Amino acid sequence: MADDRAKLDFFVEELGLLFEEMGERRMNGRVLGYLMLSSEPHVSTAELMKELNASAGSISAATRALSAPGFIRRVSVPGSRGHFYRADDDVWGAFLATEHRYLYKRQRLADEVMAALGDADDIVQRRMANMRDYFNWLEARHRTLGNEWEEYKRQRDAERDNAE
């Protein structure tokens, strides 16, 4: 049991560091790591605070940040006023979808700036067109990646099911 706890702590802390390296809060990664390794249907805010030795405020900020892109989900527990969460089954597919929304917003911003600029000089127009077209191109690639990821999972699961 102590060995299992050490493995859990290692993953939680390493994912926290990975998030920090990506410019995110370390606690976001720690919360996600803990929830990914939980086989329970849901984990309470109180449990997250206790297990991660964290304040209510840091857990609240992390769960909000992780819920917005769909990495984790808030779960309703009848008769309880507490907050409960679980990790999405495909956290990394949710990550890809979040990137897709990010790219779309940048593309839309470039379109709006180009419309507002009107007859700006050629250099400015070219820069904004490159911004818009880059995010349009990248968004299309993300759509393709998302479809390929879903197909990959279907094949992986079919192979696993056939092996059993």
Protein backbone atom coordinates (compact mmCIF):
# COMPACT_ATOMS: atom_id res chain seq x y z
CA MET A 1 0.00 0.00 0.00
CA ALA A 2 2.86 2.41 0.79
CA ASP A 3 4.38 1.62 -2.62
CA ASP A 4 1.07 2.48 -4.31
CA ARG A 5 0.95 5.76 -2.41
CA ALA A 6 4.50 6.61 -3.48
CA LYS A 7 3.57 5.96 -7.13
CA LEU A 8 0.48 8.14 -6.77
CA ASP A 9 2.47 10.94 -5.15
CA PHE A 10 5.14 10.71 -7.84
CA PHE A 11 2.65 11.05 -10.71
CA VAL A 12 0.72 13.84 -9.01
CA GLU A 13 3.87 15.85 -8.37
CA GLU A 14 5.33 15.20 -11.82
CA LEU A 15 2.12 16.27 -13.55
CA GLY A 16 2.15 19.38 -11.35
CA LEU A 17 5.67 20.18 -12.54
CA LEU A 18 4.70 19.53 -16.15
CA PHE A 19 1.82 21.98 -15.86
CA GLU A 20 4.13 24.53 -14.28
CA GLU A 21 6.59 24.13 -17.17
CA MET A 22 3.70 24.85 -19.56
CA GLY A 23 3.00 28.13 -17.76
CA GLU A 24 0.06 26.82 -15.76
CA ARG A 25 -0.35 26.59 -12.02
CA ARG A 26 1.34 23.59 -10.48
CA MET A 27 -1.79 22.87 -8.43
CA ASN A 28 -3.82 22.41 -11.63
CA GLY A 29 -1.56 19.52 -12.62
CA ARG A 30 -1.57 18.06 -9.13
CA VAL A 31 -5.38 18.07 -8.97
CA LEU A 32 -5.64 16.56 -12.45
CA GLY A 33 -3.06 13.90 -11.58
CA TYR A 34 -4.90 12.93 -8.40
CA LEU A 35 -8.24 12.72 -10.19
CA MET A 36 -6.77 10.71 -13.07
CA LEU A 37 -5.52 8.08 -10.63
CA SER A 38 -8.73 7.91 -8.62
CA SER A 39 -10.98 4.96 -9.43
CA GLU A 40 -13.77 6.47 -7.33
CA PRO A 41 -16.82 7.86 -9.17
CA HIS A 42 -16.02 11.26 -7.67
CA VAL A 43 -13.65 13.01 -5.28
CA SER A 44 -14.69 15.78 -2.92
CA THR A 45 -13.04 19.14 -2.57
CA ALA A 46 -12.32 18.20 1.05
CA GLU A 47 -10.47 15.05 -0.04
CA LEU A 48 -8.44 17.01 -2.59
CA MET A 49 -7.51 19.54 0.11
CA LYS A 50 -6.45 16.79 2.51
CA GLU A 51 -4.62 14.53 0.04
CA LEU A 52 -2.81 17.37 -1.74
CA ASN A 53 -2.20 19.37 1.42
CA ALA A 54 -3.77 22.39 -0.24
CA SER A 55 -6.02 25.28 0.72
CA ALA A 56 -9.66 25.57 -0.28
CA GLY A 57 -8.79 28.54 -2.47
CA SER A 58 -6.09 26.73 -4.43
CA ILE A 59 -8.32 23.69 -4.97
CA SER A 60 -11.19 25.94 -6.04
CA ALA A 61 -9.00 27.81 -8.53
CA ALA A 62 -7.59 24.55 -9.91
CA THR A 63 -10.96 22.86 -10.32
CA ARG A 64 -12.36 25.94 -12.11
CA ALA A 65 -9.34 26.06 -14.42
CA LEU A 66 -9.55 22.33 -15.19
CA SER A 67 -13.34 22.30 -15.63
CA ALA A 68 -13.42 25.04 -18.25
CA PRO A 69 -11.57 23.04 -20.94
CA GLY A 70 -13.25 19.77 -19.89
CA PHE A 71 -10.25 18.08 -18.25
CA ILE A 72 -12.38 17.38 -15.20
CA ARG A 73 -16.12 17.35 -14.56
CA ARG A 74 -18.10 18.49 -11.57
CA VAL A 75 -20.32 15.68 -10.33
CA SER A 76 -23.61 16.11 -8.53
CA VAL A 77 -24.07 13.98 -5.43
CA PRO A 78 -27.69 13.89 -4.23
CA GLY A 79 -28.09 15.10 -0.67
CA SER A 80 -24.67 16.71 -0.50
CA ARG A 81 -23.83 20.38 -0.67
CA GLY A 82 -20.14 19.76 -1.26
CA HIS A 83 -18.35 19.89 -4.58
CA PHE A 84 -17.25 16.65 -6.22
CA TYR A 85 -15.10 16.06 -9.31
CA ARG A 86 -13.82 13.33 -11.56
CA ALA A 87 -11.28 13.33 -14.40
CA ASP A 88 -12.60 13.11 -17.93
CA ASP A 89 -11.95 9.67 -19.42
CA ASP A 90 -10.00 11.26 -22.27
CA VAL A 91 -8.20 14.20 -20.68
CA TRP A 92 -5.82 14.55 -23.61
CA GLY A 93 -8.60 14.48 -26.19
CA ALA A 94 -10.20 17.30 -24.18
CA PHE A 95 -6.85 19.08 -24.33
CA LEU A 96 -6.88 18.82 -28.13
CA ALA A 97 -10.44 20.20 -28.23
CA THR A 98 -9.40 23.10 -26.02
CA GLU A 99 -6.55 23.93 -28.37
CA HIS A 100 -9.05 23.88 -31.23
CA ARG A 101 -11.18 26.54 -29.49
CA TYR A 102 -8.06 28.60 -28.75
CA LEU A 103 -7.06 28.57 -32.42
CA TYR A 104 -10.54 29.48 -33.59
CA LYS A 105 -10.60 32.51 -31.27
CA ARG A 106 -7.25 33.73 -32.62
CA GLN A 107 -8.47 33.33 -36.19
CA ARG A 108 -11.65 35.27 -35.40
CA LEU A 109 -9.60 38.05 -33.76
CA ALA A 110 -7.48 38.42 -36.89
CA ASP A 111 -10.64 38.63 -39.02
CA GLU A 112 -12.05 41.36 -36.77
CA VAL A 113 -8.80 43.34 -36.82
CA MET A 114 -8.59 43.10 -40.60
CA ALA A 115 -12.17 44.35 -40.95
CA ALA A 116 -11.49 47.23 -38.55
CA LEU A 117 -8.26 48.20 -40.36
CA GLY A 118 -9.97 48.60 -43.69
CA ASP A 119 -7.41 49.92 -46.14
CA ALA A 120 -4.34 49.63 -43.92
CA ASP A 121 -0.99 49.49 -45.65
CA ASP A 122 0.13 46.28 -47.33
CA ILE A 123 2.58 45.28 -44.58
CA VAL A 124 -0.09 45.40 -41.86
CA GLN A 125 -2.63 43.63 -44.07
CA ARG A 126 -0.11 40.87 -44.89
CA ARG A 127 0.75 40.36 -41.21
CA MET A 128 -2.89 40.11 -40.23
CA ALA A 129 -3.69 37.82 -43.18
CA ASN A 130 -0.81 35.57 -42.14
CA MET A 131 -2.13 35.51 -38.57
CA ARG A 132 -5.66 34.64 -39.71
CA ASP A 133 -4.52 32.08 -42.26
CA TYR A 134 -2.04 30.46 -39.88
CA PHE A 135 -4.69 29.89 -37.24
CA ASN A 136 -7.17 28.75 -39.90
CA TRP A 137 -4.60 26.26 -41.23
CA LEU A 138 -3.67 25.06 -37.74
CA GLU A 139 -7.31 24.73 -36.71
CA ALA A 140 -7.95 22.50 -39.73
CA ARG A 141 -4.97 20.35 -38.71
CA HIS A 142 -6.37 20.08 -35.18
CA ARG A 143 -9.71 18.93 -36.55
CA THR A 144 -7.86 16.25 -38.51
CA LEU A 145 -5.82 15.30 -35.43
CA GLY A 146 -8.99 15.03 -33.34
CA ASN A 147 -10.58 12.72 -35.89
CA GLU A 148 -7.41 10.65 -36.14
CA TRP A 149 -7.22 10.39 -32.35
CA GLU A 150 -10.80 9.08 -32.17
CA GLU A 151 -10.06 6.54 -34.92
CA TYR A 152 -6.86 5.48 -33.17
CA LYS A 153 -8.80 4.86 -29.92
CA ARG A 154 -11.47 2.84 -31.78
CA GLN A 155 -8.81 0.63 -33.38
CA ARG A 156 -6.89 0.26 -30.11
CA ASP A 157 -10.03 -0.74 -28.24
CA ALA A 158 -11.12 -3.16 -30.99
CA GLU A 159 -7.70 -4.83 -30.92
CA ARG A 160 -7.82 -5.09 -27.14
CA ASP A 161 -11.35 -6.50 -27.22
CA ASN A 162 -10.34 -9.08 -29.89
CA ALA A 163 -7.32 -10.14 -27.82
CA GLU A 164 -9.49 -10.96 -24.81
